[in-house]
Protein backbone atom coordinates (compact mmCIF):
# COMPACT_ATOMS: atom_id res chain seq x y z
CA MET A 1 30.95 20.40 13.71
CA MET A 2 32.27 19.15 17.02
CA GLY A 3 35.62 20.08 18.35
CA ARG A 4 38.12 17.66 19.83
CA ASP A 5 37.00 18.39 23.40
CA GLN A 6 33.33 17.79 22.59
CA ARG A 7 34.14 14.54 20.79
CA ALA A 8 36.16 13.32 23.78
CA ASP A 9 33.33 14.39 26.08
CA PHE A 10 30.83 12.39 23.99
CA GLU A 11 33.09 9.32 23.95
CA GLU A 12 33.30 9.48 27.74
CA PHE A 13 29.52 9.78 27.93
CA VAL A 14 29.09 6.72 25.69
CA GLU A 15 31.40 4.65 27.91
CA GLN A 16 29.58 5.62 31.08
CA ALA A 17 26.01 5.57 29.76
CA SER A 18 26.08 2.50 27.50
CA PRO A 19 25.53 -0.15 30.21
CA SER A 20 22.54 1.73 31.62
CA LEU A 21 21.11 2.42 28.16
CA LEU A 22 21.61 -1.21 27.15
CA ARG A 23 19.73 -2.50 30.22
CA THR A 24 16.89 -0.08 29.55
CA ALA A 25 16.77 -1.05 25.87
CA TRP A 26 16.72 -4.74 26.74
CA LEU A 27 13.80 -4.17 29.09
CA LEU A 28 12.01 -2.23 26.36
CA THR A 29 12.57 -4.78 23.59
CA GLY A 30 13.16 -8.10 25.34
CA GLN A 31 15.76 -8.99 22.71
CA VAL A 32 19.53 -8.59 22.82
CA ASP A 33 20.02 -7.64 19.16
CA ALA A 34 17.09 -5.24 19.11
CA SER A 35 18.31 -3.59 22.31
CA ARG A 36 21.78 -3.05 20.84
CA GLU A 37 20.27 -1.51 17.72
CA LEU A 38 18.08 0.73 19.83
CA VAL A 39 21.04 1.97 21.90
CA GLN A 40 23.05 2.58 18.75
CA ALA A 41 20.23 4.59 17.17
CA ALA A 42 19.81 6.64 20.36
CA LEU A 43 23.55 7.37 20.57
CA VAL A 44 23.66 8.43 16.91
CA LYS A 45 20.79 10.83 17.46
CA THR A 46 22.41 12.12 20.66
CA TYR A 47 25.73 12.63 18.87
CA VAL A 48 24.03 14.82 16.26
CA VAL A 49 22.80 17.25 18.91
CA TRP A 50 25.62 16.74 21.43
CA PRO A 51 26.82 20.38 21.43
CA LYS A 52 23.33 21.44 22.61
CA VAL A 53 22.88 18.74 25.26
CA ARG A 54 23.37 19.75 28.91
CA ARG A 55 25.83 17.28 30.44
CA PRO A 56 23.97 16.58 33.69
CA GLU A 57 20.85 15.68 31.66
CA ALA A 58 22.61 13.77 28.87
CA LEU A 59 21.65 10.30 30.12
CA ALA A 60 18.00 11.27 30.52
CA TYR A 61 18.08 12.89 27.07
CA ALA A 62 19.56 9.78 25.43
CA ARG A 63 17.09 7.55 27.27
CA ARG A 64 14.19 9.70 26.04
CA ILE A 65 15.48 9.46 22.46
CA MET A 66 15.77 5.70 22.88
CA VAL A 67 12.19 5.35 24.12
CA ASN A 68 10.85 7.52 21.30
CA HIS A 69 12.85 5.64 18.68
CA GLY A 70 11.71 2.31 20.12
CA THR A 71 8.10 3.44 19.98
CA ASP A 72 8.48 4.63 16.39
CA THR A 73 10.08 1.33 15.40
CA TRP A 74 7.36 -0.64 17.15
CA ARG A 75 4.65 1.32 15.34
CA ARG A 76 6.27 0.62 11.98
CA THR A 77 6.82 -3.09 12.60
CA ARG A 78 4.07 -4.19 14.99
CA ARG A 79 2.27 -6.15 12.27
CA GLU A 80 5.41 -8.08 11.40
CA ALA A 81 5.88 -11.52 12.89
CA LEU A 82 9.26 -13.21 13.06
CA VAL A 83 9.21 -16.84 11.98
CA ASP A 84 11.87 -19.48 11.53
CA GLU A 85 10.72 -20.35 8.03
CA VAL A 86 8.87 -18.18 5.54
CA PRO A 87 5.65 -19.93 4.54
CA GLU A 88 4.80 -20.49 0.91
CA PRO A 89 2.09 -18.11 -0.29
CA ARG A 90 -1.27 -19.83 -0.38
CA VAL A 91 -3.74 -19.23 -3.12
CA THR A 92 -7.22 -19.48 -1.72
CA ASP A 93 -10.32 -20.38 -3.66
CA SER A 94 -11.72 -16.91 -2.99
CA GLY A 95 -8.51 -15.35 -4.35
CA LEU A 96 -8.76 -17.43 -7.51
CA LYS A 97 -12.43 -16.58 -7.81
CA ALA A 98 -11.66 -12.84 -7.57
CA VAL A 99 -9.08 -13.14 -10.35
CA GLU A 100 -11.44 -15.22 -12.48
CA ASP A 101 -14.23 -12.69 -11.88
CA ARG A 102 -11.94 -9.84 -12.88
CA HIS A 103 -10.96 -11.62 -16.10
CA GLU A 104 -14.62 -12.35 -16.80
CA VAL A 105 -15.56 -8.69 -16.36
CA VAL A 106 -12.81 -7.57 -18.72
CA ARG A 107 -13.88 -10.19 -21.26
CA LEU A 108 -17.52 -9.11 -21.08
CA LEU A 109 -16.63 -5.42 -21.34
CA SER A 110 -14.60 -6.13 -24.46
CA MET A 111 -17.84 -7.18 -26.14
CA LEU A 112 -19.23 -3.66 -25.89
CA PRO A 113 -18.63 -0.87 -28.38
CA THR A 114 -16.04 1.63 -27.17
CA GLN A 115 -18.44 4.34 -26.03
CA GLN A 116 -20.72 1.93 -24.17
CA ARG A 117 -17.72 0.29 -22.52
CA THR A 118 -16.33 3.68 -21.46
CA VAL A 119 -19.67 4.85 -20.08
CA VAL A 120 -20.29 1.60 -18.17
CA VAL A 121 -16.81 1.69 -16.63
CA LEU A 122 -17.04 5.36 -15.64
CA ARG A 123 -20.59 5.08 -14.29
CA TYR A 124 -20.44 1.77 -12.45
CA TYR A 125 -16.77 1.10 -11.73
CA ALA A 126 -15.56 4.65 -11.11
CA ASP A 127 -19.01 5.52 -9.68
CA LEU A 128 -19.20 8.87 -11.45
CA PRO A 129 -22.52 10.67 -11.90
CA GLU A 130 -24.01 10.91 -15.38
CA SER A 131 -23.22 14.62 -15.64
CA ALA A 132 -19.53 14.03 -14.84
CA VAL A 133 -19.30 11.25 -17.43
CA ALA A 134 -21.00 13.49 -20.00
CA ASP A 135 -18.55 16.32 -19.30
CA MET A 136 -15.59 13.96 -19.42
CA LEU A 137 -16.59 12.43 -22.75
CA GLY A 138 -18.00 15.58 -24.30
CA ILE A 139 -21.45 14.08 -24.87
CA SER A 140 -24.93 14.87 -23.55
CA THR A 141 -26.34 13.40 -20.37
CA GLY A 142 -28.97 11.66 -22.48
CA ALA A 143 -26.24 9.98 -24.52
CA VAL A 144 -24.64 8.76 -21.29
CA LYS A 145 -27.95 7.33 -20.08
CA SER A 146 -28.55 5.68 -23.45
CA ALA A 147 -25.05 4.19 -23.69
CA ALA A 148 -25.22 2.91 -20.11
CA SER A 149 -28.64 1.35 -20.67
CA ARG A 150 -27.62 -0.31 -23.93
CA GLY A 151 -24.30 -1.48 -22.51
CA LEU A 152 -25.89 -3.06 -19.44
CA ALA A 153 -28.59 -4.68 -21.59
CA ARG A 154 -25.91 -6.14 -23.85
CA LEU A 155 -23.94 -7.47 -20.87
CA ARG A 156 -27.09 -9.04 -19.39
CA SER A 157 -27.97 -10.75 -22.67
CA VAL A 158 -24.45 -12.14 -23.10
CA VAL A 159 -24.37 -13.48 -19.53
CA GLU A 160 -27.84 -15.03 -19.94
CA ALA A 161 -26.88 -16.60 -23.26
CA GLU A 162 -23.68 -18.07 -21.83
CA THR A 163 -25.57 -19.37 -18.80
CA GLU A 164 -27.93 -21.19 -21.15
CA GLY A 165 -24.96 -22.72 -23.00
CA GLU A 166 -25.05 -20.60 -26.15
CA PRO A 167 -21.72 -19.44 -27.61
CA ALA A 168 -20.42 -16.04 -26.54
CA ALA A 169 -21.28 -13.07 -28.70
CA VAL A 170 -18.69 -11.57 -31.02
CA THR A 171 -16.45 -9.07 -29.24
CA ASP A 172 -16.14 -5.48 -30.35
CA LEU A 173 -12.45 -6.14 -31.02
CA ASP A 174 -13.20 -9.18 -33.22
CA ASP A 175 -15.81 -7.17 -35.13
CA ARG A 176 -13.32 -4.36 -35.82
CA ARG A 177 -10.69 -6.85 -37.01
CA ARG A 178 -13.17 -8.36 -39.48
CA ARG A 179 -14.04 -4.94 -40.87
CA GLN A 180 -10.35 -4.07 -41.31
CA ALA A 181 -9.54 -7.34 -43.16
């Protein structure tokens, strides 16, 4: 905690150093508002350590803090671009295609029995080796190979059938609902 003398000493420093710090900040940022914010941030950080700062070097110390803070701020915001008006988000054809593809994959996977679906997802989406999938599911490596092979074959046949205009195969979920009814 600062005493009254230290607080008065800091206030005097702020009065004397502010014009110089403001000029330096303006040269660093090129913007009036940003330079004021930079000086304010530097003075706050200087205030926190004021009892430890040597008075003859206080201006250099505050300037160094200001440069470091400005650099840190620039690194965080360098990809930001100030604009007068925020543009409306555009949906590109490739973005729509990616969403459609994702929905199509989920729809196709829902046509597989649970174990085949799980194996296909773990093997080809999560890119896990057969042994890891077997350990995770508590089944043999041969069962993983079999489920993956059958699942991929089923997916290929459904895609081929739909490409030729035939109706989609019954989903695993629809099949379970029929059995429960």
